[in-house]
């Protein structure tokens, strides 16, 4: 799959699911691109984080990924 098409698909899936939740596990991204190997998806997600499209969120024991600037944490950080 084309890298730009894969990025667009990931963003579309996250926006579609954002009504129910804003942060996702890395394994959720594997389901978005089932034909790709997990390492390929992980590298794509890391590139998207580096570009500022996605962001990591950590509770200390769990790391999740979401669209940059979405979710309750983003709203709380904007107020601070």
PDB file of N, CA and C in Angstrom:
ATOM      1  N   UNK A   1       0.847  -1.187   0.000  1.00  0.00           N
ATOM      2  CA  UNK A   1       0.000   0.000   0.000  1.00  0.00           C
ATOM      3  C   UNK A   1       0.885   1.240   0.000  1.00  0.00           C
ATOM      4  N   UNK A   2       0.444   2.250  -0.692  1.00  0.00           N
ATOM      5  CA  UNK A   2       1.130   3.532  -0.741  1.00  0.00           C
ATOM      6  C   UNK A   2       1.154   4.163   0.656  1.00  0.00           C
ATOM      7  N   UNK A   3       2.276   4.719   1.050  1.00  0.00           N
ATOM      8  CA  UNK A   3       2.428   5.288   2.396  1.00  0.00           C
ATOM      9  C   UNK A   3       1.439   6.422   2.636  1.00  0.00           C
ATOM     10  N   UNK A   4       1.302   7.324   1.678  1.00  0.00           N
ATOM     11  CA  UNK A   4       0.372   8.451   1.854  1.00  0.00           C
ATOM     12  C   UNK A   4      -1.073   7.962   1.953  1.00  0.00           C
ATOM     13  N   UNK A   5      -1.419   6.947   1.171  1.00  0.00           N
ATOM     14  CA  UNK A   5      -2.772   6.378   1.249  1.00  0.00           C
ATOM     15  C   UNK A   5      -2.997   5.725   2.607  1.00  0.00           C
ATOM     16  N   UNK A   6      -1.977   5.065   3.132  1.00  0.00           N
ATOM     17  CA  UNK A   6      -2.080   4.430   4.445  1.00  0.00           C
ATOM     18  C   UNK A   6      -2.264   5.475   5.539  1.00  0.00           C
ATOM     19  N   UNK A   7      -1.518   6.570   5.456  1.00  0.00           N
ATOM     20  CA  UNK A   7      -1.660   7.650   6.443  1.00  0.00           C
ATOM     21  C   UNK A   7      -3.062   8.238   6.393  1.00  0.00           C
ATOM     22  N   UNK A   8      -3.563   8.458   5.195  1.00  0.00           N
ATOM     23  CA  UNK A   8      -4.904   9.016   5.034  1.00  0.00           C
ATOM     24  C   UNK A   8      -5.946   8.060   5.616  1.00  0.00           C
ATOM     25  N   UNK A   9      -5.789   6.769   5.370  1.00  0.00           N
ATOM     26  CA  UNK A   9      -6.711   5.770   5.901  1.00  0.00           C
ATOM     27  C   UNK A   9      -6.697   5.770   7.427  1.00  0.00           C
ATOM     28  N   UNK A  10      -5.517   5.847   8.021  1.00  0.00           N
ATOM     29  CA  UNK A  10      -5.410   5.877   9.484  1.00  0.00           C
ATOM     30  C   UNK A  10      -6.125   7.096  10.050  1.00  0.00           C
ATOM     31  N   UNK A  11      -5.886   8.265   9.476  1.00  0.00           N
ATOM     32  CA  UNK A  11      -6.533   9.492   9.963  1.00  0.00           C
ATOM     33  C   UNK A  11      -8.050   9.386   9.826  1.00  0.00           C
ATOM     34  N   UNK A  12      -8.521   8.865   8.699  1.00  0.00           N
ATOM     35  CA  UNK A  12      -9.967   8.708   8.497  1.00  0.00           C
ATOM     36  C   UNK A  12     -10.566   7.768   9.535  1.00  0.00           C
ATOM     37  N   UNK A  13      -9.892   6.651   9.800  1.00  0.00           N
ATOM     38  CA  UNK A  13     -10.388   5.689  10.788  1.00  0.00           C
ATOM     39  C   UNK A  13     -10.429   6.305  12.187  1.00  0.00           C
ATOM     40  N   UNK A  14      -9.392   7.058  12.539  1.00  0.00           N
ATOM     41  CA  UNK A  14      -9.356   7.690  13.862  1.00  0.00           C
ATOM     42  C   UNK A  14     -10.448   8.742  13.989  1.00  0.00           C
ATOM     43  N   UNK A  15     -10.670   9.522  12.947  1.00  0.00           N
ATOM     44  CA  UNK A  15     -11.723  10.537  12.993  1.00  0.00           C
ATOM     45  C   UNK A  15     -13.096   9.887  13.101  1.00  0.00           C
ATOM     46  N   UNK A  16     -13.291   8.770  12.409  1.00  0.00           N
ATOM     47  CA  UNK A  16     -14.570   8.073  12.435  1.00  0.00           C
ATOM     48  C   UNK A  16     -14.838   7.504  13.826  1.00  0.00           C
ATOM     49  N   UNK A  17     -13.807   6.985  14.476  1.00  0.00           N
ATOM     50  CA  UNK A  17     -13.959   6.361  15.786  1.00  0.00           C
ATOM     51  C   UNK A  17     -13.839   7.365  16.936  1.00  0.00           C
ATOM     52  N   UNK A  18     -13.512   8.614  16.636  1.00  0.00           N
ATOM     53  CA  UNK A  18     -13.252   9.597  17.682  1.00  0.00           C
ATOM     54  C   UNK A  18     -14.489   9.954  18.496  1.00  0.00           C
ATOM     55  N   UNK A  19     -15.669   9.604  18.022  1.00  0.00           N
ATOM     56  CA  UNK A  19     -16.875   9.889  18.792  1.00  0.00           C
ATOM     57  C   UNK A  19     -16.973   9.003  20.028  1.00  0.00           C
ATOM     58  N   UNK A  20     -16.341   7.820  19.972  1.00  0.00           N
ATOM     59  CA  UNK A  20     -16.394   6.911  21.110  1.00  0.00           C
ATOM     60  C   UNK A  20     -15.117   6.924  21.944  1.00  0.00           C
ATOM     61  N   UNK A  21     -13.960   7.118  21.302  1.00  0.00           N
ATOM     62  CA  UNK A  21     -12.705   7.198  22.056  1.00  0.00           C
ATOM     63  C   UNK A  21     -11.659   7.940  21.240  1.00  0.00           C
ATOM     64  N   UNK A  22     -10.683   8.498  21.935  1.00  0.00           N
ATOM     65  CA  UNK A  22      -9.688   9.327  21.248  1.00  0.00           C
ATOM     66  C   UNK A  22      -8.292   8.718  21.242  1.00  0.00           C
ATOM     67  N   UNK A  23      -8.053   7.727  22.075  1.00  0.00           N
ATOM     68  CA  UNK A  23      -6.736   7.098  22.155  1.00  0.00           C
ATOM     69  C   UNK A  23      -6.855   5.618  21.839  1.00  0.00           C
ATOM     70  N   UNK A  24      -5.853   5.082  21.134  1.00  0.00           N
ATOM     71  CA  UNK A  24      -5.885   3.707  20.678  1.00  0.00           C
ATOM     72  C   UNK A  24      -4.563   3.022  20.972  1.00  0.00           C
ATOM     73  N   UNK A  25      -4.631   1.705  21.166  1.00  0.00           N
ATOM     74  CA  UNK A  25      -3.422   0.904  21.308  1.00  0.00           C
ATOM     75  C   UNK A  25      -2.808   0.701  19.933  1.00  0.00           C
ATOM     76  N   UNK A  26      -1.528   0.393  19.901  1.00  0.00           N
ATOM     77  CA  UNK A  26      -0.856   0.140  18.634  1.00  0.00           C
ATOM     78  C   UNK A  26      -1.527  -1.018  17.893  1.00  0.00           C
ATOM     79  N   UNK A  27      -1.978  -2.031  18.628  1.00  0.00           N
ATOM     80  CA  UNK A  27      -2.617  -3.184  17.983  1.00  0.00           C
ATOM     81  C   UNK A  27      -3.884  -2.779  17.236  1.00  0.00           C
ATOM     82  N   UNK A  28      -4.546  -1.703  17.644  1.00  0.00           N
ATOM     83  CA  UNK A  28      -5.723  -1.224  16.928  1.00  0.00           C
ATOM     84  C   UNK A  28      -5.347  -0.744  15.530  1.00  0.00           C
ATOM     85  N   UNK A  29      -4.151  -0.204  15.382  1.00  0.00           N
ATOM     86  CA  UNK A  29      -3.692   0.277  14.082  1.00  0.00           C
ATOM     87  C   UNK A  29      -3.431  -0.888  13.129  1.00  0.00           C
ATOM     88  N   UNK A  30      -3.069  -2.043  13.682  1.00  0.00           N
ATOM     89  CA  UNK A  30      -2.877  -3.225  12.842  1.00  0.00           C
ATOM     90  C   UNK A  30      -4.180  -3.599  12.139  1.00  0.00           C
ATOM     91  N   UNK A  31      -5.304  -3.418  12.830  1.00  0.00           N
ATOM     92  CA  UNK A  31      -6.610  -3.729  12.237  1.00  0.00           C
ATOM     93  C   UNK A  31      -6.969  -2.750  11.123  1.00  0.00           C
ATOM     94  N   UNK A  32      -6.482  -1.517  11.212  1.00  0.00           N
ATOM     95  CA  UNK A  32      -6.757  -0.532  10.164  1.00  0.00           C
ATOM     96  C   UNK A  32      -6.067  -0.934   8.858  1.00  0.00           C
ATOM     97  N   UNK A  33      -4.904  -1.566   8.954  1.00  0.00           N
ATOM     98  CA  UNK A  33      -4.114  -1.975   7.788  1.00  0.00           C
ATOM     99  C   UNK A  33      -3.805  -3.473   7.893  1.00  0.00           C
ATOM    100  N   UNK A  34      -4.812  -4.320   7.737  1.00  0.00           N
ATOM    101  CA  UNK A  34      -4.620  -5.756   7.973  1.00  0.00           C
ATOM    102  C   UNK A  34      -3.659  -6.449   6.999  1.00  0.00           C
ATOM    103  N   UNK A  35      -3.445  -5.879   5.836  1.00  0.00           N
ATOM    104  CA  UNK A  35      -2.549  -6.509   4.856  1.00  0.00           C
ATOM    105  C   UNK A  35      -1.080  -6.186   5.091  1.00  0.00           C
ATOM    106  N   UNK A  36      -0.809  -5.254   6.001  1.00  0.00           N
ATOM    107  CA  UNK A  36       0.566  -4.840   6.276  1.00  0.00           C
ATOM    108  C   UNK A  36       1.107  -5.598   7.485  1.00  0.00           C
ATOM    109  N   UNK A  37       2.414  -5.769   7.519  1.00  0.00           N
ATOM    110  CA  UNK A  37       3.064  -6.422   8.652  1.00  0.00           C
ATOM    111  C   UNK A  37       3.060  -5.467   9.849  1.00  0.00           C
ATOM    112  N   UNK A  38       3.008  -6.002  11.080  1.00  0.00           N
ATOM    113  CA  UNK A  38       2.995  -5.151  12.269  1.00  0.00           C
ATOM    114  C   UNK A  38       4.164  -4.163  12.329  1.00  0.00           C
ATOM    115  N   UNK A  39       5.339  -4.583  11.940  1.00  0.00           N
ATOM    116  CA  UNK A  39       6.500  -3.674  11.978  1.00  0.00           C
ATOM    117  C   UNK A  39       6.317  -2.505  11.015  1.00  0.00           C
ATOM    118  N   UNK A  40       5.744  -2.768   9.860  1.00  0.00           N
ATOM    119  CA  UNK A  40       5.485  -1.712   8.891  1.00  0.00           C
ATOM    120  C   UNK A  40       4.496  -0.697   9.457  1.00  0.00           C
ATOM    121  N   UNK A  41       3.446  -1.194  10.109  1.00  0.00           N
ATOM    122  CA  UNK A  41       2.439  -0.308  10.706  1.00  0.00           C
ATOM    123  C   UNK A  41       3.069   0.499  11.836  1.00  0.00           C
ATOM    124  N   UNK A  42       3.874  -0.151  12.668  1.00  0.00           N
ATOM    125  CA  UNK A  42       4.541   0.551  13.777  1.00  0.00           C
ATOM    126  C   UNK A  42       5.427   1.670  13.250  1.00  0.00           C
ATOM    127  N   UNK A  43       6.209   1.392  12.204  1.00  0.00           N
ATOM    128  CA  UNK A  43       7.070   2.418  11.629  1.00  0.00           C
ATOM    129  C   UNK A  43       6.257   3.562  11.035  1.00  0.00           C
ATOM    130  N   UNK A  44       5.140   3.248  10.408  1.00  0.00           N
ATOM    131  CA  UNK A  44       4.258   4.279   9.845  1.00  0.00           C
ATOM    132  C   UNK A  44       3.692   5.171  10.945  1.00  0.00           C
ATOM    133  N   UNK A  45       3.242   4.553  12.037  1.00  0.00           N
ATOM    134  CA  UNK A  45       2.702   5.316  13.173  1.00  0.00           C
ATOM    135  C   UNK A  45       3.800   6.196  13.767  1.00  0.00           C
ATOM    136  N   UNK A  46       5.005   5.670  13.925  1.00  0.00           N
ATOM    137  CA  UNK A  46       6.113   6.473  14.453  1.00  0.00           C
ATOM    138  C   UNK A  46       6.405   7.670  13.550  1.00  0.00           C
ATOM    139  N   UNK A  47       6.365   7.468  12.231  1.00  0.00           N
ATOM    140  CA  UNK A  47       6.567   8.574  11.289  1.00  0.00           C
ATOM    141  C   UNK A  47       5.481   9.627  11.448  1.00  0.00           C
ATOM    142  N   UNK A  48       4.235   9.173  11.628  1.00  0.00           N
ATOM    143  CA  UNK A  48       3.122  10.113  11.778  1.00  0.00           C
ATOM    144  C   UNK A  48       3.239  10.910  13.078  1.00  0.00           C
ATOM    145  N   UNK A  49       3.781  10.291  14.134  1.00  0.00           N
ATOM    146  CA  UNK A  49       4.031  11.007  15.390  1.00  0.00           C
ATOM    147  C   UNK A  49       5.122  12.055  15.164  1.00  0.00           C
ATOM    148  N   UNK A  50       6.170  11.666  14.472  1.00  0.00           N
ATOM    149  CA  UNK A  50       7.278  12.594  14.201  1.00  0.00           C
ATOM    150  C   UNK A  50       6.809  13.783  13.355  1.00  0.00           C
ATOM    151  N   UNK A  51       5.851  13.558  12.472  1.00  0.00           N
ATOM    152  CA  UNK A  51       5.319  14.630  11.629  1.00  0.00           C
ATOM    153  C   UNK A  51       4.287  15.491  12.354  1.00  0.00           C
ATOM    154  N   UNK A  52       3.862  15.074  13.550  1.00  0.00           N
ATOM    155  CA  UNK A  52       2.897  15.849  14.312  1.00  0.00           C
ATOM    156  C   UNK A  52       1.454  15.546  13.970  1.00  0.00           C
ATOM    157  N   UNK A  53       1.192  14.472  13.245  1.00  0.00           N
ATOM    158  CA  UNK A  53      -0.178  14.092  12.911  1.00  0.00           C
ATOM    159  C   UNK A  53      -0.804  13.339  14.081  1.00  0.00           C
ATOM    160  N   UNK A  54      -0.024  12.457  14.669  1.00  0.00           N
ATOM    161  CA  UNK A  54      -0.460  11.672  15.826  1.00  0.00           C
ATOM    162  C   UNK A  54       0.385  12.052  17.028  1.00  0.00           C
ATOM    163  N   UNK A  55      -0.078  11.624  18.210  1.00  0.00           N
ATOM    164  CA  UNK A  55       0.706  11.848  19.414  1.00  0.00           C
ATOM    165  C   UNK A  55       0.575  10.648  20.336  1.00  0.00           C
ATOM    166  N   UNK A  56       1.647  10.419  21.100  1.00  0.00           N
ATOM    167  CA  UNK A  56       1.624   9.365  22.104  1.00  0.00           C
ATOM    168  C   UNK A  56       1.020   9.925  23.382  1.00  0.00           C
ATOM    169  N   UNK A  57       0.345   9.060  24.130  1.00  0.00           N
ATOM    170  CA  UNK A  57      -0.149   9.396  25.454  1.00  0.00           C
ATOM    171  C   UNK A  57       0.194   8.225  26.354  1.00  0.00           C
ATOM    172  N   UNK A  58       0.738   8.492  27.514  1.00  0.00           N
ATOM    173  CA  UNK A  58       1.132   7.426  28.425  1.00  0.00           C
ATOM    174  C   UNK A  58       0.535   7.642  29.805  1.00  0.00           C
ATOM    175  N   UNK A  59       0.033   6.557  30.373  1.00  0.00           N
ATOM    176  CA  UNK A  59      -0.474   6.603  31.743  1.00  0.00           C
ATOM    177  C   UNK A  59       0.614   6.205  32.724  1.00  0.00           C
ATOM    178  N   UNK A  60       1.760   5.848  32.211  1.00  0.00           N
ATOM    179  CA  UNK A  60       2.850   5.368  33.044  1.00  0.00           C
ATOM    180  C   UNK A  60       3.086   3.893  32.805  1.00  0.00           C
ATOM    181  N   UNK A  61       2.002   3.150  32.616  1.00  0.00           N
ATOM    182  CA  UNK A  61       2.145   1.726  32.342  1.00  0.00           C
ATOM    183  C   UNK A  61       1.662   1.348  30.950  1.00  0.00           C
ATOM    184  N   UNK A  62       0.873   2.214  30.348  1.00  0.00           N
ATOM    185  CA  UNK A  62       0.303   1.938  29.030  1.00  0.00           C
ATOM    186  C   UNK A  62       0.549   3.119  28.113  1.00  0.00           C
ATOM    187  N   UNK A  63       0.948   2.831  26.897  1.00  0.00           N
ATOM    188  CA  UNK A  63       1.134   3.881  25.905  1.00  0.00           C
ATOM    189  C   UNK A  63       0.044   3.741  24.851  1.00  0.00           C
ATOM    190  N   UNK A  64      -0.621   4.847  24.575  1.00  0.00           N
ATOM    191  CA  UNK A  64      -1.672   4.860  23.572  1.00  0.00           C
ATOM    192  C   UNK A  64      -1.354   5.952  22.555  1.00  0.00           C
ATOM    193  N   UNK A  65      -2.063   5.908  21.445  1.00  0.00           N
ATOM    194  CA  UNK A  65      -1.794   6.825  20.344  1.00  0.00           C
ATOM    195  C   UNK A  65      -3.115   7.421  19.888  1.00  0.00           C
ATOM    196  N   UNK A  66      -3.098   8.719  19.572  1.00  0.00           N
ATOM    197  CA  UNK A  66      -4.300   9.373  19.061  1.00  0.00           C
ATOM    198  C   UNK A  66      -3.941  10.530  18.173  1.00  0.00           C
ATOM    199  N   UNK A  67      -4.962  11.100  17.557  1.00  0.00           N
ATOM    200  CA  UNK A  67      -4.749  12.293  16.742  1.00  0.00           C
ATOM    201  C   UNK A  67      -4.281  13.430  17.631  1.00  0.00           C
ATOM    202  N   UNK A  68      -3.346  14.185  17.165  1.00  0.00           N
ATOM    203  CA  UNK A  68      -2.792  15.284  17.953  1.00  0.00           C
ATOM    204  C   UNK A  68      -3.885  16.304  18.260  1.00  0.00           C
ATOM    205  N   UNK A  69      -3.989  16.679  19.533  1.00  0.00           N
ATOM    206  CA  UNK A  69      -4.933  17.707  19.943  1.00  0.00           C
ATOM    207  C   UNK A  69      -6.351  17.228  20.179  1.00  0.00           C
ATOM    208  N   UNK A  70      -6.575  15.921  20.277  1.00  0.00           N
ATOM    209  CA  UNK A  70      -7.926  15.425  20.546  1.00  0.00           C
ATOM    210  C   UNK A  70      -7.973  14.754  21.905  1.00  0.00           C
ATOM    211  N   UNK A  71      -9.171  14.617  22.442  1.00  0.00           N
ATOM    212  CA  UNK A  71      -9.359  13.908  23.700  1.00  0.00           C
ATOM    213  C   UNK A  71      -9.442  14.832  24.895  1.00  0.00           C
ATOM    214  N   UNK A  72      -9.798  14.241  26.017  1.00  0.00           N
ATOM    215  CA  UNK A  72      -9.961  15.006  27.256  1.00  0.00           C
ATOM    216  C   UNK A  72      -8.656  15.623  27.731  1.00  0.00           C
ATOM    217  N   UNK A  73      -7.554  14.902  27.564  1.00  0.00           N
ATOM    218  CA  UNK A  73      -6.270  15.416  28.026  1.00  0.00           C
ATOM    219  C   UNK A  73      -5.884  16.672  27.250  1.00  0.00           C
ATOM    220  N   UNK A  74      -6.135  16.693  25.968  1.00  0.00           N
ATOM    221  CA  UNK A  74      -5.799  17.858  25.141  1.00  0.00           C
ATOM    222  C   UNK A  74      -6.610  19.067  25.584  1.00  0.00           C
ATOM    223  N   UNK A  75      -7.887  18.852  25.899  1.00  0.00           N
ATOM    224  CA  UNK A  75      -8.726  19.960  26.352  1.00  0.00           C
ATOM    225  C   UNK A  75      -8.242  20.491  27.698  1.00  0.00           C
ATOM    226  N   UNK A  76      -7.837  19.589  28.589  1.00  0.00           N
ATOM    227  CA  UNK A  76      -7.322  20.010  29.897  1.00  0.00           C
ATOM    228  C   UNK A  76      -6.011  20.761  29.766  1.00  0.00           C
ATOM    229  N   UNK A  77      -5.159  20.343  28.836  1.00  0.00           N
ATOM    230  CA  UNK A  77      -3.883  21.015  28.641  1.00  0.00           C
ATOM    231  C   UNK A  77      -4.074  22.393  28.028  1.00  0.00           C
ATOM    232  N   UNK A  78      -5.085  22.567  27.192  1.00  0.00           N
ATOM    233  CA  UNK A  78      -5.362  23.875  26.591  1.00  0.00           C
ATOM    234  C   UNK A  78      -5.792  24.887  27.641  1.00  0.00           C
ATOM    235  N   UNK A  79      -6.501  24.412  28.676  1.00  0.00           N
ATOM    236  CA  UNK A  79      -6.996  25.300  29.725  1.00  0.00           C
ATOM    237  C   UNK A  79      -5.872  25.730  30.661  1.00  0.00           C
ATOM    238  N   UNK A  80      -4.861  24.888  30.821  1.00  0.00           N
ATOM    239  CA  UNK A  80      -3.785  25.159  31.787  1.00  0.00           C
ATOM    240  C   UNK A  80      -2.859  26.249  31.299  1.00  0.00           C
TER     241      UNK A  80
END
